[in-house]
mmCIF file of all heavy atoms, coordinates in Angstrom:
data_MODEL
# 
_entry.id   MODEL 
# 
loop_
_atom_site.group_PDB 
_atom_site.id 
_atom_site.type_symbol 
_atom_site.label_atom_id 
_atom_site.label_alt_id 
_atom_site.label_comp_id 
_atom_site.label_asym_id 
_atom_site.label_entity_id 
_atom_site.label_seq_id 
_atom_site.pdbx_PDB_ins_code 
_atom_site.Cartn_x 
_atom_site.Cartn_y 
_atom_site.Cartn_z 
_atom_site.occupancy 
_atom_site.B_iso_or_equiv 
_atom_site.pdbx_formal_charge 
_atom_site.auth_seq_id 
_atom_site.auth_comp_id 
_atom_site.auth_asym_id 
_atom_site.auth_atom_id 
_atom_site.pdbx_PDB_model_num 
ATOM 1   N N   . GLN A 1 1  ? 119.833 38.605 137.637 1.00 0.00 ? 1  GLN A N   1 
ATOM 2   C CA  . GLN A 1 1  ? 120.037 37.222 137.211 1.00 0.00 ? 1  GLN A CA  1 
ATOM 3   C C   . GLN A 1 1  ? 118.929 36.802 136.241 1.00 0.00 ? 1  GLN A C   1 
ATOM 4   O O   . GLN A 1 1  ? 117.779 37.147 136.415 1.00 0.00 ? 1  GLN A O   1 
ATOM 5   C CB  . GLN A 1 1  ? 120.064 36.288 138.401 1.00 0.00 ? 1  GLN A CB  1 
ATOM 6   C CG  . GLN A 1 1  ? 121.299 36.548 139.355 1.00 0.00 ? 1  GLN A CG  1 
ATOM 7   C CD  . GLN A 1 1  ? 121.269 35.530 140.488 1.00 0.00 ? 1  GLN A CD  1 
ATOM 8   O OE1 . GLN A 1 1  ? 120.316 34.797 140.656 1.00 0.00 ? 1  GLN A OE1 1 
ATOM 9   N NE2 . GLN A 1 1  ? 122.391 35.547 141.248 1.00 0.00 ? 1  GLN A NE2 1 
ATOM 10  N N   . ASP A 1 2  ? 119.300 35.984 135.197 1.00 0.00 ? 2  ASP A N   1 
ATOM 11  C CA  . ASP A 1 2  ? 118.348 35.438 134.206 1.00 0.00 ? 2  ASP A CA  1 
ATOM 12  C C   . ASP A 1 2  ? 118.016 34.026 134.661 1.00 0.00 ? 2  ASP A C   1 
ATOM 13  O O   . ASP A 1 2  ? 118.820 33.105 134.649 1.00 0.00 ? 2  ASP A O   1 
ATOM 14  C CB  . ASP A 1 2  ? 118.998 35.397 132.814 1.00 0.00 ? 2  ASP A CB  1 
ATOM 15  C CG  . ASP A 1 2  ? 118.020 35.013 131.721 1.00 0.00 ? 2  ASP A CG  1 
ATOM 16  O OD1 . ASP A 1 2  ? 116.929 34.436 132.081 1.00 0.00 ? 2  ASP A OD1 1 
ATOM 17  O OD2 . ASP A 1 2  ? 118.322 35.226 130.564 1.00 0.00 ? 2  ASP A OD2 1 
ATOM 18  N N   . ALA A 1 3  ? 116.732 33.909 135.124 1.00 0.00 ? 3  ALA A N   1 
ATOM 19  C CA  . ALA A 1 3  ? 116.277 32.588 135.678 1.00 0.00 ? 3  ALA A CA  1 
ATOM 20  C C   . ALA A 1 3  ? 116.372 31.475 134.622 1.00 0.00 ? 3  ALA A C   1 
ATOM 21  O O   . ALA A 1 3  ? 116.816 30.382 134.913 1.00 0.00 ? 3  ALA A O   1 
ATOM 22  C CB  . ALA A 1 3  ? 114.827 32.720 136.179 1.00 0.00 ? 3  ALA A CB  1 
ATOM 23  N N   . ALA A 1 4  ? 115.980 31.740 133.403 1.00 0.00 ? 4  ALA A N   1 
ATOM 24  C CA  . ALA A 1 4  ? 115.988 30.744 132.324 1.00 0.00 ? 4  ALA A CA  1 
ATOM 25  C C   . ALA A 1 4  ? 117.458 30.263 132.038 1.00 0.00 ? 4  ALA A C   1 
ATOM 26  O O   . ALA A 1 4  ? 117.713 29.075 131.835 1.00 0.00 ? 4  ALA A O   1 
ATOM 27  C CB  . ALA A 1 4  ? 115.376 31.238 131.035 1.00 0.00 ? 4  ALA A CB  1 
ATOM 28  N N   . ALA A 1 5  ? 118.377 31.255 132.049 1.00 0.00 ? 5  ALA A N   1 
ATOM 29  C CA  . ALA A 1 5  ? 119.764 30.931 131.785 1.00 0.00 ? 5  ALA A CA  1 
ATOM 30  C C   . ALA A 1 5  ? 120.365 30.021 132.904 1.00 0.00 ? 5  ALA A C   1 
ATOM 31  O O   . ALA A 1 5  ? 121.097 29.116 132.629 1.00 0.00 ? 5  ALA A O   1 
ATOM 32  C CB  . ALA A 1 5  ? 120.624 32.201 131.670 1.00 0.00 ? 5  ALA A CB  1 
ATOM 33  N N   . GLU A 1 6  ? 119.938 30.270 134.122 1.00 0.00 ? 6  GLU A N   1 
ATOM 34  C CA  . GLU A 1 6  ? 120.382 29.463 135.217 1.00 0.00 ? 6  GLU A CA  1 
ATOM 35  C C   . GLU A 1 6  ? 119.884 28.032 135.130 1.00 0.00 ? 6  GLU A C   1 
ATOM 36  O O   . GLU A 1 6  ? 120.586 27.068 135.377 1.00 0.00 ? 6  GLU A O   1 
ATOM 37  C CB  . GLU A 1 6  ? 119.944 30.082 136.574 1.00 0.00 ? 6  GLU A CB  1 
ATOM 38  C CG  . GLU A 1 6  ? 120.653 31.399 136.915 1.00 0.00 ? 6  GLU A CG  1 
ATOM 39  C CD  . GLU A 1 6  ? 122.171 31.178 137.136 1.00 0.00 ? 6  GLU A CD  1 
ATOM 40  O OE1 . GLU A 1 6  ? 122.521 30.145 137.753 1.00 0.00 ? 6  GLU A OE1 1 
ATOM 41  O OE2 . GLU A 1 6  ? 122.947 32.051 136.751 1.00 0.00 ? 6  GLU A OE2 1 
ATOM 42  N N   . LEU A 1 7  ? 118.620 27.900 134.695 1.00 0.00 ? 7  LEU A N   1 
ATOM 43  C CA  . LEU A 1 7  ? 118.051 26.580 134.542 1.00 0.00 ? 7  LEU A CA  1 
ATOM 44  C C   . LEU A 1 7  ? 118.730 25.823 133.388 1.00 0.00 ? 7  LEU A C   1 
ATOM 45  O O   . LEU A 1 7  ? 119.008 24.608 133.519 1.00 0.00 ? 7  LEU A O   1 
ATOM 46  C CB  . LEU A 1 7  ? 116.542 26.624 134.300 1.00 0.00 ? 7  LEU A CB  1 
ATOM 47  C CG  . LEU A 1 7  ? 115.685 27.020 135.492 1.00 0.00 ? 7  LEU A CG  1 
ATOM 48  C CD1 . LEU A 1 7  ? 114.203 27.225 135.112 1.00 0.00 ? 7  LEU A CD1 1 
ATOM 49  C CD2 . LEU A 1 7  ? 115.790 25.971 136.606 1.00 0.00 ? 7  LEU A CD2 1 
ATOM 50  N N   . GLU A 1 8  ? 119.008 26.564 132.338 1.00 0.00 ? 8  GLU A N   1 
ATOM 51  C CA  . GLU A 1 8  ? 119.702 25.953 131.158 1.00 0.00 ? 8  GLU A CA  1 
ATOM 52  C C   . GLU A 1 8  ? 121.046 25.412 131.565 1.00 0.00 ? 8  GLU A C   1 
ATOM 53  O O   . GLU A 1 8  ? 121.475 24.313 131.218 1.00 0.00 ? 8  GLU A O   1 
ATOM 54  C CB  . GLU A 1 8  ? 119.875 27.015 130.052 1.00 0.00 ? 8  GLU A CB  1 
ATOM 55  C CG  . GLU A 1 8  ? 120.556 26.452 128.797 1.00 0.00 ? 8  GLU A CG  1 
ATOM 56  C CD  . GLU A 1 8  ? 120.714 27.531 127.749 1.00 0.00 ? 8  GLU A CD  1 
ATOM 57  O OE1 . GLU A 1 8  ? 120.198 28.675 127.936 1.00 0.00 ? 8  GLU A OE1 1 
ATOM 58  O OE2 . GLU A 1 8  ? 121.379 27.253 126.750 1.00 0.00 ? 8  GLU A OE2 1 
ATOM 59  N N   . LYS A 1 9  ? 121.765 26.176 132.330 1.00 0.00 ? 9  LYS A N   1 
ATOM 60  C CA  . LYS A 1 9  ? 123.080 25.737 132.850 1.00 0.00 ? 9  LYS A CA  1 
ATOM 61  C C   . LYS A 1 9  ? 122.958 24.493 133.736 1.00 0.00 ? 9  LYS A C   1 
ATOM 62  O O   . LYS A 1 9  ? 123.792 23.592 133.616 1.00 0.00 ? 9  LYS A O   1 
ATOM 63  C CB  . LYS A 1 9  ? 123.674 26.886 133.679 1.00 0.00 ? 9  LYS A CB  1 
ATOM 64  C CG  . LYS A 1 9  ? 125.051 26.603 134.227 1.00 0.00 ? 9  LYS A CG  1 
ATOM 65  C CD  . LYS A 1 9  ? 125.615 27.793 135.006 1.00 0.00 ? 9  LYS A CD  1 
ATOM 66  C CE  . LYS A 1 9  ? 126.969 27.474 135.624 1.00 0.00 ? 9  LYS A CE  1 
ATOM 67  N NZ  . LYS A 1 9  ? 127.477 28.617 136.411 1.00 0.00 ? 9  LYS A NZ  1 
ATOM 68  N N   . LYS A 1 10 ? 121.857 24.384 134.500 1.00 0.00 ? 10 LYS A N   1 
ATOM 69  C CA  . LYS A 1 10 ? 121.663 23.281 135.405 1.00 0.00 ? 10 LYS A CA  1 
ATOM 70  C C   . LYS A 1 10 ? 121.462 22.026 134.605 1.00 0.00 ? 10 LYS A C   1 
ATOM 71  O O   . LYS A 1 10 ? 122.053 20.974 134.853 1.00 0.00 ? 10 LYS A O   1 
ATOM 72  C CB  . LYS A 1 10 ? 120.431 23.544 136.279 1.00 0.00 ? 10 LYS A CB  1 
ATOM 73  C CG  . LYS A 1 10 ? 120.023 22.385 137.148 1.00 0.00 ? 10 LYS A CG  1 
ATOM 74  C CD  . LYS A 1 10 ? 118.803 22.768 137.973 1.00 0.00 ? 10 LYS A CD  1 
ATOM 75  C CE  . LYS A 1 10 ? 118.333 21.512 138.792 1.00 0.00 ? 10 LYS A CE  1 
ATOM 76  N NZ  . LYS A 1 10 ? 117.089 21.858 139.576 1.00 0.00 ? 10 LYS A NZ  1 
ATOM 77  N N   . TYR A 1 11 ? 120.614 22.096 133.527 1.00 0.00 ? 11 TYR A N   1 
ATOM 78  C CA  . TYR A 1 11 ? 120.328 20.872 132.763 1.00 0.00 ? 11 TYR A CA  1 
ATOM 79  C C   . TYR A 1 11 ? 121.524 20.510 131.896 1.00 0.00 ? 11 TYR A C   1 
ATOM 80  O O   . TYR A 1 11 ? 121.731 19.298 131.599 1.00 0.00 ? 11 TYR A O   1 
ATOM 81  C CB  . TYR A 1 11 ? 119.090 21.103 131.891 1.00 0.00 ? 11 TYR A CB  1 
ATOM 82  C CG  . TYR A 1 11 ? 117.782 20.983 132.692 1.00 0.00 ? 11 TYR A CG  1 
ATOM 83  C CD1 . TYR A 1 11 ? 117.087 22.104 133.116 1.00 0.00 ? 11 TYR A CD1 1 
ATOM 84  C CD2 . TYR A 1 11 ? 117.349 19.721 133.112 1.00 0.00 ? 11 TYR A CD2 1 
ATOM 85  C CE1 . TYR A 1 11 ? 115.927 21.973 133.895 1.00 0.00 ? 11 TYR A CE1 1 
ATOM 86  C CE2 . TYR A 1 11 ? 116.141 19.608 133.834 1.00 0.00 ? 11 TYR A CE2 1 
ATOM 87  C CZ  . TYR A 1 11 ? 115.485 20.738 134.243 1.00 0.00 ? 11 TYR A CZ  1 
ATOM 88  O OH  . TYR A 1 11 ? 114.368 20.619 134.971 1.00 0.00 ? 11 TYR A OH  1 
ATOM 89  N N   . ALA A 1 12 ? 122.302 21.484 131.534 1.00 0.00 ? 12 ALA A N   1 
ATOM 90  C CA  . ALA A 1 12 ? 123.497 21.183 130.752 1.00 0.00 ? 12 ALA A CA  1 
ATOM 91  C C   . ALA A 1 12 ? 124.466 20.427 131.566 1.00 0.00 ? 12 ALA A C   1 
ATOM 92  O O   . ALA A 1 12 ? 125.103 19.465 131.103 1.00 0.00 ? 12 ALA A O   1 
ATOM 93  C CB  . ALA A 1 12 ? 124.106 22.485 130.234 1.00 0.00 ? 12 ALA A CB  1 
ATOM 94  N N   . GLU A 1 13 ? 124.625 20.800 132.790 1.00 0.00 ? 13 GLU A N   1 
ATOM 95  C CA  . GLU A 1 13 ? 125.515 20.112 133.698 1.00 0.00 ? 13 GLU A CA  1 
ATOM 96  C C   . GLU A 1 13 ? 124.988 18.686 133.985 1.00 0.00 ? 13 GLU A C   1 
ATOM 97  O O   . GLU A 1 13 ? 125.786 17.757 134.082 1.00 0.00 ? 13 GLU A O   1 
ATOM 98  C CB  . GLU A 1 13 ? 125.661 20.871 135.006 1.00 0.00 ? 13 GLU A CB  1 
ATOM 99  C CG  . GLU A 1 13 ? 126.443 22.168 134.854 1.00 0.00 ? 13 GLU A CG  1 
ATOM 100 C CD  . GLU A 1 13 ? 126.480 22.964 136.146 1.00 0.00 ? 13 GLU A CD  1 
ATOM 101 O OE1 . GLU A 1 13 ? 125.749 22.592 137.111 1.00 0.00 ? 13 GLU A OE1 1 
ATOM 102 O OE2 . GLU A 1 13 ? 127.223 23.979 136.204 1.00 0.00 ? 13 GLU A OE2 1 
ATOM 103 N N   . ALA A 1 14 ? 123.661 18.565 134.079 1.00 0.00 ? 14 ALA A N   1 
ATOM 104 C CA  . ALA A 1 14 ? 123.067 17.203 134.328 1.00 0.00 ? 14 ALA A CA  1 
ATOM 105 C C   . ALA A 1 14 ? 123.322 16.280 133.150 1.00 0.00 ? 14 ALA A C   1 
ATOM 106 O O   . ALA A 1 14 ? 123.614 15.116 133.292 1.00 0.00 ? 14 ALA A O   1 
ATOM 107 C CB  . ALA A 1 14 ? 121.583 17.319 134.608 1.00 0.00 ? 14 ALA A CB  1 
ATOM 108 N N   . GLY A 1 15 ? 123.191 16.820 131.916 1.00 0.00 ? 15 GLY A N   1 
ATOM 109 C CA  . GLY A 1 15 ? 123.430 15.988 130.682 1.00 0.00 ? 15 GLY A CA  1 
ATOM 110 C C   . GLY A 1 15 ? 124.866 15.556 130.595 1.00 0.00 ? 15 GLY A C   1 
ATOM 111 O O   . GLY A 1 15 ? 125.148 14.422 130.222 1.00 0.00 ? 15 GLY A O   1 
ATOM 112 N N   . SER A 1 16 ? 125.743 16.397 130.937 1.00 0.00 ? 16 SER A N   1 
ATOM 113 C CA  . SER A 1 16 ? 127.158 16.085 130.921 1.00 0.00 ? 16 SER A CA  1 
ATOM 114 C C   . SER A 1 16 ? 127.468 14.954 131.911 1.00 0.00 ? 16 SER A C   1 
ATOM 115 O O   . SER A 1 16 ? 128.253 14.041 131.634 1.00 0.00 ? 16 SER A O   1 
ATOM 116 C CB  . SER A 1 16 ? 127.985 17.336 131.271 1.00 0.00 ? 16 SER A CB  1 
ATOM 117 O OG  . SER A 1 16 ? 129.357 16.993 131.358 1.00 0.00 ? 16 SER A OG  1 
ATOM 118 N N   . THR A 1 17 ? 126.865 15.013 133.033 1.00 0.00 ? 17 THR A N   1 
ATOM 119 C CA  . THR A 1 17 ? 127.083 13.989 134.067 1.00 0.00 ? 17 THR A CA  1 
ATOM 120 C C   . THR A 1 17 ? 126.549 12.613 133.583 1.00 0.00 ? 17 THR A C   1 
ATOM 121 O O   . THR A 1 17 ? 127.180 11.574 133.757 1.00 0.00 ? 17 THR A O   1 
ATOM 122 C CB  . THR A 1 17 ? 126.389 14.400 135.377 1.00 0.00 ? 17 THR A CB  1 
ATOM 123 O OG1 . THR A 1 17 ? 126.948 15.629 135.824 1.00 0.00 ? 17 THR A OG1 1 
ATOM 124 C CG2 . THR A 1 17 ? 126.587 13.326 136.428 1.00 0.00 ? 17 THR A CG2 1 
ATOM 125 N N   . ALA A 1 18 ? 125.344 12.644 132.931 1.00 0.00 ? 18 ALA A N   1 
ATOM 126 C CA  . ALA A 1 18 ? 124.779 11.393 132.377 1.00 0.00 ? 18 ALA A CA  1 
ATOM 127 C C   . ALA A 1 18 ? 125.673 10.798 131.334 1.00 0.00 ? 18 ALA A C   1 
ATOM 128 O O   . ALA A 1 18 ? 125.842 9.556  131.238 1.00 0.00 ? 18 ALA A O   1 
ATOM 129 C CB  . ALA A 1 18 ? 123.380 11.679 131.851 1.00 0.00 ? 18 ALA A CB  1 
ATOM 130 N N   . ALA A 1 19 ? 126.251 11.578 130.445 1.00 0.00 ? 19 ALA A N   1 
ATOM 131 C CA  . ALA A 1 19 ? 127.119 11.090 129.411 1.00 0.00 ? 19 ALA A CA  1 
ATOM 132 C C   . ALA A 1 19 ? 128.318 10.447 130.003 1.00 0.00 ? 19 ALA A C   1 
ATOM 133 O O   . ALA A 1 19 ? 128.804 9.400  129.520 1.00 0.00 ? 19 ALA A O   1 
ATOM 134 C CB  . ALA A 1 19 ? 127.523 12.226 128.469 1.00 0.00 ? 19 ALA A CB  1 
ATOM 135 N N   . VAL A 1 20 ? 128.886 11.021 131.013 1.00 0.00 ? 20 VAL A N   1 
ATOM 136 C CA  . VAL A 1 20 ? 130.031 10.456 131.685 1.00 0.00 ? 20 VAL A CA  1 
ATOM 137 C C   . VAL A 1 20 ? 129.664 9.099  132.303 1.00 0.00 ? 20 VAL A C   1 
ATOM 138 O O   . VAL A 1 20 ? 130.477 8.133  132.259 1.00 0.00 ? 20 VAL A O   1 
ATOM 139 C CB  . VAL A 1 20 ? 130.578 11.419 132.757 1.00 0.00 ? 20 VAL A CB  1 
ATOM 140 C CG1 . VAL A 1 20 ? 131.653 10.731 133.625 1.00 0.00 ? 20 VAL A CG1 1 
ATOM 141 C CG2 . VAL A 1 20 ? 131.160 12.671 132.116 1.00 0.00 ? 20 VAL A CG2 1 
ATOM 142 N N   . ASP A 1 21 ? 128.494 9.052  132.906 1.00 0.00 ? 21 ASP A N   1 
ATOM 143 C CA  . ASP A 1 21 ? 128.039 7.744  133.535 1.00 0.00 ? 21 ASP A CA  1 
ATOM 144 C C   . ASP A 1 21 ? 127.890 6.642  132.461 1.00 0.00 ? 21 ASP A C   1 
ATOM 145 O O   . ASP A 1 21 ? 128.273 5.507  132.730 1.00 0.00 ? 21 ASP A O   1 
ATOM 146 C CB  . ASP A 1 21 ? 126.701 7.964  134.247 1.00 0.00 ? 21 ASP A CB  1 
ATOM 147 C CG  . ASP A 1 21 ? 126.874 8.854  135.506 1.00 0.00 ? 21 ASP A CG  1 
ATOM 148 O OD1 . ASP A 1 21 ? 128.014 8.988  136.021 1.00 0.00 ? 21 ASP A OD1 1 
ATOM 149 O OD2 . ASP A 1 21 ? 125.876 9.381  136.035 1.00 0.00 ? 21 ASP A OD2 1 
ATOM 150 N N   . ASP A 1 22 ? 127.372 7.019  131.271 1.00 0.00 ? 22 ASP A N   1 
ATOM 151 C CA  . ASP A 1 22 ? 127.214 6.029  130.197 1.00 0.00 ? 22 ASP A CA  1 
ATOM 152 C C   . ASP A 1 22 ? 128.576 5.551  129.756 1.00 0.00 ? 22 ASP A C   1 
ATOM 153 O O   . ASP A 1 22 ? 128.756 4.313  129.507 1.00 0.00 ? 22 ASP A O   1 
ATOM 154 C CB  . ASP A 1 22 ? 126.409 6.601  129.020 1.00 0.00 ? 22 ASP A CB  1 
ATOM 155 C CG  . ASP A 1 22 ? 124.981 6.901  129.399 1.00 0.00 ? 22 ASP A CG  1 
ATOM 156 O OD1 . ASP A 1 22 ? 124.536 6.291  130.414 1.00 0.00 ? 22 ASP A OD1 1 
ATOM 157 O OD2 . ASP A 1 22 ? 124.322 7.695  128.719 1.00 0.00 ? 22 ASP A OD2 1 
ATOM 158 N N   . GLU A 1 23 ? 129.489 6.484  129.567 1.00 0.00 ? 23 GLU A N   1 
ATOM 159 C CA  . GLU A 1 23 ? 130.860 6.103  129.095 1.00 0.00 ? 23 GLU A CA  1 
ATOM 160 C C   . GLU A 1 23 ? 131.536 5.208  130.139 1.00 0.00 ? 23 GLU A C   1 
ATOM 161 O O   . GLU A 1 23 ? 132.231 4.235  129.766 1.00 0.00 ? 23 GLU A O   1 
ATOM 162 C CB  . GLU A 1 23 ? 131.650 7.379  128.888 1.00 0.00 ? 23 GLU A CB  1 
ATOM 163 C CG  . GLU A 1 23 ? 133.052 7.153  128.299 1.00 0.00 ? 23 GLU A CG  1 
ATOM 164 C CD  . GLU A 1 23 ? 133.000 6.717  126.858 1.00 0.00 ? 23 GLU A CD  1 
ATOM 165 O OE1 . GLU A 1 23 ? 131.956 6.967  126.197 1.00 0.00 ? 23 GLU A OE1 1 
ATOM 166 O OE2 . GLU A 1 23 ? 133.987 6.145  126.391 1.00 0.00 ? 23 GLU A OE2 1 
ATOM 167 N N   . LEU A 1 24 ? 131.324 5.445  131.420 1.00 0.00 ? 24 LEU A N   1 
ATOM 168 C CA  . LEU A 1 24 ? 131.926 4.663  132.442 1.00 0.00 ? 24 LEU A CA  1 
ATOM 169 C C   . LEU A 1 24 ? 131.336 3.193  132.436 1.00 0.00 ? 24 LEU A C   1 
ATOM 170 O O   . LEU A 1 24 ? 132.075 2.219  132.620 1.00 0.00 ? 24 LEU A O   1 
ATOM 171 C CB  . LEU A 1 24 ? 131.688 5.294  133.830 1.00 0.00 ? 24 LEU A CB  1 
ATOM 172 C CG  . LEU A 1 24 ? 132.209 4.579  135.015 1.00 0.00 ? 24 LEU A CG  1 
ATOM 173 C CD1 . LEU A 1 24 ? 133.786 4.414  134.942 1.00 0.00 ? 24 LEU A CD1 1 
ATOM 174 C CD2 . LEU A 1 24 ? 131.835 5.251  136.300 1.00 0.00 ? 24 LEU A CD2 1 
ATOM 175 N N   . ALA A 1 25 ? 130.037 3.102  132.172 1.00 0.00 ? 25 ALA A N   1 
ATOM 176 C CA  . ALA A 1 25 ? 129.382 1.785  132.155 1.00 0.00 ? 25 ALA A CA  1 
ATOM 177 C C   . ALA A 1 25 ? 129.938 0.928  131.006 1.00 0.00 ? 25 ALA A C   1 
ATOM 178 O O   . ALA A 1 25 ? 130.167 -0.251 131.106 1.00 0.00 ? 25 ALA A O   1 
ATOM 179 C CB  . ALA A 1 25 ? 127.848 1.914  132.045 1.00 0.00 ? 25 ALA A CB  1 
# 
């Protein structure tokens, strides 16, 4: 497993969630 790639995926998912929250507001 690539630790950096896993972290990148985590933050990408977090950013997507924040964008959805802004659009909902």
